[in-house]
Amino acid sequence: MNSVGEGCTELKREYDQCFNRWFAEKFLKGDRSADPCSELFHKYHTCVQKAIKEKDIPIEGVEFMGPNREKADS
């Protein structure tokens, strides 16, 4: 799946690959050490934020998930 910003698609692909590899090779085997993909996520997140602003996509009231963020209780 492509990213919201055309220029962000490659960053998304790199992050997805990193995360999937970490998840399968470490997390699912009990290694709960830090996510090595945080830097890639930050770069991708920054790119997406820029694309959202450039495309004037309204995001008020939308909650986002990401590393180190807990899901709000319903």
PDB file of N, CA and C in Angstrom:
ATOM      1  N   MET A   1       0.850  -1.170   0.000  1.00  0.00           N
ATOM      2  CA  MET A   1       0.000   0.000   0.000  1.00  0.00           C
ATOM      3  C   MET A   1       0.896   1.234   0.000  1.00  0.00           C
ATOM      4  N   ASN A   2       0.548   2.207  -0.813  1.00  0.00           N
ATOM      5  CA  ASN A   2       1.292   3.449  -0.872  1.00  0.00           C
ATOM      6  C   ASN A   2       0.963   4.324   0.328  1.00  0.00           C
ATOM      7  N   SER A   3       1.813   5.291   0.549  1.00  0.00           N
ATOM      8  CA  SER A   3       1.622   6.233   1.637  1.00  0.00           C
ATOM      9  C   SER A   3       0.751   7.393   1.169  1.00  0.00           C
ATOM     10  N   VAL A   4       0.270   8.184   2.124  1.00  0.00           N
ATOM     11  CA  VAL A   4      -0.540   9.362   1.805  1.00  0.00           C
ATOM     12  C   VAL A   4       0.266  10.359   0.970  1.00  0.00           C
ATOM     13  N   GLY A   5       1.550  10.392   1.185  1.00  0.00           N
ATOM     14  CA  GLY A   5       2.426  11.264   0.401  1.00  0.00           C
ATOM     15  C   GLY A   5       3.269  10.427  -0.529  1.00  0.00           C
ATOM     16  N   GLU A   6       3.263  10.767  -1.798  1.00  0.00           N
ATOM     17  CA  GLU A   6       4.007   9.980  -2.788  1.00  0.00           C
ATOM     18  C   GLU A   6       5.476   9.854  -2.400  1.00  0.00           C
ATOM     19  N   GLY A   7       6.044  10.937  -1.869  1.00  0.00           N
ATOM     20  CA  GLY A   7       7.441  10.923  -1.463  1.00  0.00           C
ATOM     21  C   GLY A   7       7.703  10.102  -0.212  1.00  0.00           C
ATOM     22  N   CYS A   8       6.658   9.662   0.460  1.00  0.00           N
ATOM     23  CA  CYS A   8       6.797   8.898   1.704  1.00  0.00           C
ATOM     24  C   CYS A   8       6.708   7.390   1.490  1.00  0.00           C
ATOM     25  N   THR A   9       6.340   6.965   0.310  1.00  0.00           N
ATOM     26  CA  THR A   9       6.100   5.545   0.062  1.00  0.00           C
ATOM     27  C   THR A   9       7.340   4.698   0.301  1.00  0.00           C
ATOM     28  N   GLU A  10       8.510   5.158  -0.127  1.00  0.00           N
ATOM     29  CA  GLU A  10       9.734   4.390   0.074  1.00  0.00           C
ATOM     30  C   GLU A  10      10.070   4.304   1.568  1.00  0.00           C
ATOM     31  N   LEU A  11       9.877   5.400   2.308  1.00  0.00           N
ATOM     32  CA  LEU A  11      10.102   5.373   3.757  1.00  0.00           C
ATOM     33  C   LEU A  11       9.148   4.392   4.429  1.00  0.00           C
ATOM     34  N   LYS A  12       7.915   4.354   3.965  1.00  0.00           N
ATOM     35  CA  LYS A  12       6.926   3.425   4.519  1.00  0.00           C
ATOM     36  C   LYS A  12       7.366   1.985   4.268  1.00  0.00           C
ATOM     37  N   ARG A  13       7.828   1.712   3.078  1.00  0.00           N
ATOM     38  CA  ARG A  13       8.283   0.370   2.730  1.00  0.00           C
ATOM     39  C   ARG A  13       9.463  -0.044   3.616  1.00  0.00           C
ATOM     40  N   GLU A  14      10.421   0.860   3.793  1.00  0.00           N
ATOM     41  CA  GLU A  14      11.583   0.555   4.627  1.00  0.00           C
ATOM     42  C   GLU A  14      11.171   0.295   6.073  1.00  0.00           C
ATOM     43  N   TYR A  15      10.281   1.136   6.599  1.00  0.00           N
ATOM     44  CA  TYR A  15       9.825   0.945   7.974  1.00  0.00           C
ATOM     45  C   TYR A  15       9.056  -0.375   8.109  1.00  0.00           C
ATOM     46  N   ASP A  16       8.152  -0.635   7.182  1.00  0.00           N
ATOM     47  CA  ASP A  16       7.369  -1.871   7.231  1.00  0.00           C
ATOM     48  C   ASP A  16       8.283  -3.101   7.233  1.00  0.00           C
ATOM     49  N   GLN A  17       9.294  -3.098   6.381  1.00  0.00           N
ATOM     50  CA  GLN A  17      10.225  -4.226   6.321  1.00  0.00           C
ATOM     51  C   GLN A  17      10.979  -4.385   7.634  1.00  0.00           C
ATOM     52  N   CYS A  18      11.454  -3.269   8.175  1.00  0.00           N
ATOM     53  CA  CYS A  18      12.189  -3.304   9.441  1.00  0.00           C
ATOM     54  C   CYS A  18      11.298  -3.825  10.563  1.00  0.00           C
ATOM     55  N   PHE A  19      10.105  -3.270  10.665  1.00  0.00           N
ATOM     56  CA  PHE A  19       9.192  -3.668  11.735  1.00  0.00           C
ATOM     57  C   PHE A  19       8.811  -5.136  11.620  1.00  0.00           C
ATOM     58  N   ASN A  20       8.449  -5.572  10.424  1.00  0.00           N
ATOM     59  CA  ASN A  20       8.040  -6.970  10.232  1.00  0.00           C
ATOM     60  C   ASN A  20       9.173  -7.937  10.570  1.00  0.00           C
ATOM     61  N   ARG A  21      10.397  -7.578  10.199  1.00  0.00           N
ATOM     62  CA  ARG A  21      11.557  -8.415  10.512  1.00  0.00           C
ATOM     63  C   ARG A  21      11.763  -8.469  12.035  1.00  0.00           C
ATOM     64  N   TRP A  22      11.739  -7.307  12.702  1.00  0.00           N
ATOM     65  CA  TRP A  22      11.894  -7.262  14.158  1.00  0.00           C
ATOM     66  C   TRP A  22      10.778  -8.046  14.862  1.00  0.00           C
ATOM     67  N   PHE A  23       9.559  -7.856  14.406  1.00  0.00           N
ATOM     68  CA  PHE A  23       8.418  -8.508  15.030  1.00  0.00           C
ATOM     69  C   PHE A  23       8.539 -10.023  14.934  1.00  0.00           C
ATOM     70  N   ALA A  24       8.859 -10.523  13.747  1.00  0.00           N
ATOM     71  CA  ALA A  24       8.943 -11.972  13.530  1.00  0.00           C
ATOM     72  C   ALA A  24      10.188 -12.594  14.156  1.00  0.00           C
ATOM     73  N   GLU A  25      11.314 -11.912  14.040  1.00  0.00           N
ATOM     74  CA  GLU A  25      12.579 -12.503  14.474  1.00  0.00           C
ATOM     75  C   GLU A  25      12.911 -12.245  15.940  1.00  0.00           C
ATOM     76  N   LYS A  26      12.330 -11.227  16.522  1.00  0.00           N
ATOM     77  CA  LYS A  26      12.659 -10.887  17.914  1.00  0.00           C
ATOM     78  C   LYS A  26      11.432 -10.962  18.819  1.00  0.00           C
ATOM     79  N   PHE A  27      10.470 -10.104  18.569  1.00  0.00           N
ATOM     80  CA  PHE A  27       9.335  -9.954  19.474  1.00  0.00           C
ATOM     81  C   PHE A  27       8.571 -11.254  19.682  1.00  0.00           C
ATOM     82  N   LEU A  28       8.235 -11.941  18.614  1.00  0.00           N
ATOM     83  CA  LEU A  28       7.472 -13.182  18.735  1.00  0.00           C
ATOM     84  C   LEU A  28       8.263 -14.310  19.390  1.00  0.00           C
ATOM     85  N   LYS A  29       9.576 -14.140  19.469  1.00  0.00           N
ATOM     86  CA  LYS A  29      10.417 -15.146  20.117  1.00  0.00           C
ATOM     87  C   LYS A  29      10.766 -14.745  21.544  1.00  0.00           C
ATOM     88  N   GLY A  30      10.069 -13.712  22.058  1.00  0.00           N
ATOM     89  CA  GLY A  30      10.250 -13.325  23.450  1.00  0.00           C
ATOM     90  C   GLY A  30      11.234 -12.209  23.704  1.00  0.00           C
ATOM     91  N   ASP A  31      11.919 -11.736  22.690  1.00  0.00           N
ATOM     92  CA  ASP A  31      12.868 -10.636  22.868  1.00  0.00           C
ATOM     93  C   ASP A  31      12.089  -9.327  22.844  1.00  0.00           C
ATOM     94  N   ARG A  32      11.912  -8.736  24.015  1.00  0.00           N
ATOM     95  CA  ARG A  32      11.124  -7.508  24.132  1.00  0.00           C
ATOM     96  C   ARG A  32      12.007  -6.270  24.182  1.00  0.00           C
ATOM     97  N   SER A  33      13.234  -6.395  23.678  1.00  0.00           N
ATOM     98  CA  SER A  33      14.135  -5.247  23.675  1.00  0.00           C
ATOM     99  C   SER A  33      13.578  -4.153  22.764  1.00  0.00           C
ATOM    100  N   ALA A  34      14.180  -3.014  22.832  1.00  0.00           N
ATOM    101  CA  ALA A  34      13.702  -1.844  22.102  1.00  0.00           C
ATOM    102  C   ALA A  34      13.518  -2.121  20.607  1.00  0.00           C
ATOM    103  N   ASP A  35      12.539  -1.466  20.038  1.00  0.00           N
ATOM    104  CA  ASP A  35      12.254  -1.560  18.611  1.00  0.00           C
ATOM    105  C   ASP A  35      13.370  -0.845  17.844  1.00  0.00           C
ATOM    106  N   PRO A  36      14.143  -1.560  17.003  1.00  0.00           N
ATOM    107  CA  PRO A  36      15.247  -0.941  16.270  1.00  0.00           C
ATOM    108  C   PRO A  36      14.774  -0.068  15.105  1.00  0.00           C
ATOM    109  N   CYS A  37      13.476   0.015  14.903  1.00  0.00           N
ATOM    110  CA  CYS A  37      12.936   0.737  13.749  1.00  0.00           C
ATOM    111  C   CYS A  37      12.420   2.124  14.107  1.00  0.00           C
ATOM    112  N   SER A  38      12.638   2.563  15.326  1.00  0.00           N
ATOM    113  CA  SER A  38      12.090   3.843  15.783  1.00  0.00           C
ATOM    114  C   SER A  38      12.550   5.022  14.932  1.00  0.00           C
ATOM    115  N   GLU A  39      13.812   5.023  14.536  1.00  0.00           N
ATOM    116  CA  GLU A  39      14.321   6.130  13.719  1.00  0.00           C
ATOM    117  C   GLU A  39      13.629   6.162  12.353  1.00  0.00           C
ATOM    118  N   LEU A  40      13.450   4.984  11.745  1.00  0.00           N
ATOM    119  CA  LEU A  40      12.733   4.927  10.466  1.00  0.00           C
ATOM    120  C   LEU A  40      11.297   5.386  10.628  1.00  0.00           C
ATOM    121  N   PHE A  41      10.653   4.982  11.744  1.00  0.00           N
ATOM    122  CA  PHE A  41       9.286   5.414  11.992  1.00  0.00           C
ATOM    123  C   PHE A  41       9.218   6.924  12.107  1.00  0.00           C
ATOM    124  N   HIS A  42      10.152   7.519  12.818  1.00  0.00           N
ATOM    125  CA  HIS A  42      10.155   8.972  12.996  1.00  0.00           C
ATOM    126  C   HIS A  42      10.288   9.686  11.642  1.00  0.00           C
ATOM    127  N   LYS A  43      11.193   9.205  10.796  1.00  0.00           N
ATOM    128  CA  LYS A  43      11.361   9.806   9.461  1.00  0.00           C
ATOM    129  C   LYS A  43      10.077   9.679   8.645  1.00  0.00           C
ATOM    130  N   TYR A  44       9.466   8.516   8.678  1.00  0.00           N
ATOM    131  CA  TYR A  44       8.222   8.295   7.930  1.00  0.00           C
ATOM    132  C   TYR A  44       7.099   9.171   8.482  1.00  0.00           C
ATOM    133  N   HIS A  45       6.971   9.222   9.800  1.00  0.00           N
ATOM    134  CA  HIS A  45       5.936  10.022  10.450  1.00  0.00           C
ATOM    135  C   HIS A  45       6.079  11.499  10.066  1.00  0.00           C
ATOM    136  N   THR A  46       7.304  12.003  10.074  1.00  0.00           N
ATOM    137  CA  THR A  46       7.565  13.398   9.697  1.00  0.00           C
ATOM    138  C   THR A  46       7.162  13.644   8.251  1.00  0.00           C
ATOM    139  N   CYS A  47       7.484  12.713   7.374  1.00  0.00           N
ATOM    140  CA  CYS A  47       7.124  12.830   5.958  1.00  0.00           C
ATOM    141  C   CYS A  47       5.606  12.855   5.782  1.00  0.00           C
ATOM    142  N   VAL A  48       4.906  11.985   6.497  1.00  0.00           N
ATOM    143  CA  VAL A  48       3.445  11.919   6.403  1.00  0.00           C
ATOM    144  C   VAL A  48       2.816  13.209   6.923  1.00  0.00           C
ATOM    145  N   GLN A  49       3.325  13.723   8.027  1.00  0.00           N
ATOM    146  CA  GLN A  49       2.795  14.973   8.557  1.00  0.00           C
ATOM    147  C   GLN A  49       2.933  16.105   7.542  1.00  0.00           C
ATOM    148  N   LYS A  50       4.073  16.161   6.883  1.00  0.00           N
ATOM    149  CA  LYS A  50       4.309  17.186   5.859  1.00  0.00           C
ATOM    150  C   LYS A  50       3.329  17.007   4.696  1.00  0.00           C
ATOM    151  N   ALA A  51       3.145  15.776   4.256  1.00  0.00           N
ATOM    152  CA  ALA A  51       2.227  15.501   3.139  1.00  0.00           C
ATOM    153  C   ALA A  51       0.792  15.876   3.502  1.00  0.00           C
ATOM    154  N   ILE A  52       0.390  15.596   4.731  1.00  0.00           N
ATOM    155  CA  ILE A  52      -0.966  15.934   5.176  1.00  0.00           C
ATOM    156  C   ILE A  52      -1.174  17.445   5.134  1.00  0.00           C
ATOM    157  N   LYS A  53      -0.170  18.188   5.587  1.00  0.00           N
ATOM    158  CA  LYS A  53      -0.263  19.651   5.553  1.00  0.00           C
ATOM    159  C   LYS A  53      -0.306  20.161   4.112  1.00  0.00           C
ATOM    160  N   GLU A  54       0.553  19.614   3.259  1.00  0.00           N
ATOM    161  CA  GLU A  54       0.603  20.048   1.858  1.00  0.00           C
ATOM    162  C   GLU A  54      -0.696  19.760   1.126  1.00  0.00           C
ATOM    163  N   LYS A  55      -1.343  18.653   1.461  1.00  0.00           N
ATOM    164  CA  LYS A  55      -2.600  18.280   0.804  1.00  0.00           C
ATOM    165  C   LYS A  55      -3.817  18.848   1.525  1.00  0.00           C
ATOM    166  N   ASP A  56      -3.562  19.570   2.605  1.00  0.00           N
ATOM    167  CA  ASP A  56      -4.621  20.200   3.393  1.00  0.00           C
ATOM    168  C   ASP A  56      -5.693  19.187   3.804  1.00  0.00           C
ATOM    169  N   ILE A  57      -5.237  18.054   4.318  1.00  0.00           N
ATOM    170  CA  ILE A  57      -6.141  16.999   4.782  1.00  0.00           C
ATOM    171  C   ILE A  57      -6.529  17.309   6.229  1.00  0.00           C
ATOM    172  N   PRO A  58      -7.824  17.451   6.510  1.00  0.00           N
ATOM    173  CA  PRO A  58      -8.230  17.758   7.888  1.00  0.00           C
ATOM    174  C   PRO A  58      -8.056  16.543   8.797  1.00  0.00           C
ATOM    175  N   ILE A  59      -7.347  16.740   9.904  1.00  0.00           N
ATOM    176  CA  ILE A  59      -7.113  15.630  10.829  1.00  0.00           C
ATOM    177  C   ILE A  59      -7.509  15.987  12.262  1.00  0.00           C
ATOM    178  N   GLU A  60      -8.190  17.085  12.447  1.00  0.00           N
ATOM    179  CA  GLU A  60      -8.607  17.478  13.784  1.00  0.00           C
ATOM    180  C   GLU A  60      -9.479  16.381  14.397  1.00  0.00           C
ATOM    181  N   GLY A  61      -9.200  16.053  15.636  1.00  0.00           N
ATOM    182  CA  GLY A  61      -9.982  15.041  16.350  1.00  0.00           C
ATOM    183  C   GLY A  61      -9.580  13.610  16.069  1.00  0.00           C
ATOM    184  N   VAL A  62      -8.607  13.395  15.204  1.00  0.00           N
ATOM    185  CA  VAL A  62      -8.156  12.049  14.875  1.00  0.00           C
ATOM    186  C   VAL A  62      -7.016  11.680  15.827  1.00  0.00           C
ATOM    187  N   GLU A  63      -7.109  10.498  16.424  1.00  0.00           N
ATOM    188  CA  GLU A  63      -6.056  10.025  17.311  1.00  0.00           C
ATOM    189  C   GLU A  63      -5.154   9.078  16.545  1.00  0.00           C
ATOM    190  N   PHE A  64      -3.865   9.193  16.776  1.00  0.00           N
ATOM    191  CA  PHE A  64      -2.888   8.381  16.078  1.00  0.00           C
ATOM    192  C   PHE A  64      -2.180   7.453  17.039  1.00  0.00           C
ATOM    193  N   MET A  65      -1.826   6.283  16.540  1.00  0.00           N
ATOM    194  CA  MET A  65      -1.036   5.332  17.310  1.00  0.00           C
ATOM    195  C   MET A  65       0.380   5.357  16.746  1.00  0.00           C
ATOM    196  N   GLY A  66       1.303   4.938  17.544  1.00  0.00           N
ATOM    197  CA  GLY A  66       2.687   4.862  17.110  1.00  0.00           C
ATOM    198  C   GLY A  66       3.529   4.315  18.240  1.00  0.00           C
ATOM    199  N   PRO A  67       4.833   4.216  18.026  1.00  0.00           N
ATOM    200  CA  PRO A  67       5.695   3.708  19.089  1.00  0.00           C
ATOM    201  C   PRO A  67       5.534   4.522  20.365  1.00  0.00           C
ATOM    202  N   ASN A  68       5.521   3.832  21.494  1.00  0.00           N
ATOM    203  CA  ASN A  68       5.454   4.456  22.815  1.00  0.00           C
ATOM    204  C   ASN A  68       4.154   5.191  23.081  1.00  0.00           C
ATOM    205  N   ARG A  69       3.110   4.878  22.369  1.00  0.00           N
ATOM    206  CA  ARG A  69       1.807   5.477  22.627  1.00  0.00           C
ATOM    207  C   ARG A  69       0.845   4.371  23.004  1.00  0.00           C
ATOM    208  N   GLU A  70       0.120   4.602  24.067  1.00  0.00           N
ATOM    209  CA  GLU A  70      -0.841   3.598  24.512  1.00  0.00           C
ATOM    210  C   GLU A  70      -2.217   3.903  23.938  1.00  0.00           C
ATOM    211  N   LYS A  71      -2.951   2.842  23.663  1.00  0.00           N
ATOM    212  CA  LYS A  71      -4.311   2.997  23.157  1.00  0.00           C
ATOM    213  C   LYS A  71      -5.185   3.566  24.266  1.00  0.00           C
ATOM    214  N   ALA A  72      -5.980   4.553  23.913  1.00  0.00           N
ATOM    215  CA  ALA A  72      -6.871   5.169  24.906  1.00  0.00           C
ATOM    216  C   ALA A  72      -7.949   4.174  25.320  1.00  0.00           C
ATOM    217  N   ASP A  73      -8.313   4.221  26.602  1.00  0.00           N
ATOM    218  CA  ASP A  73      -9.389   3.357  27.082  1.00  0.00           C
ATOM    219  C   ASP A  73     -10.715   3.834  26.523  1.00  0.00           C
ATOM    220  N   SER A  74     -11.560   2.892  26.141  1.00  0.00           N
ATOM    221  CA  SER A  74     -12.874   3.244  25.584  1.00  0.00           C
ATOM    222  C   SER A  74     -13.893   3.388  26.673  1.00  0.00           C
TER     223      SER A  74
END
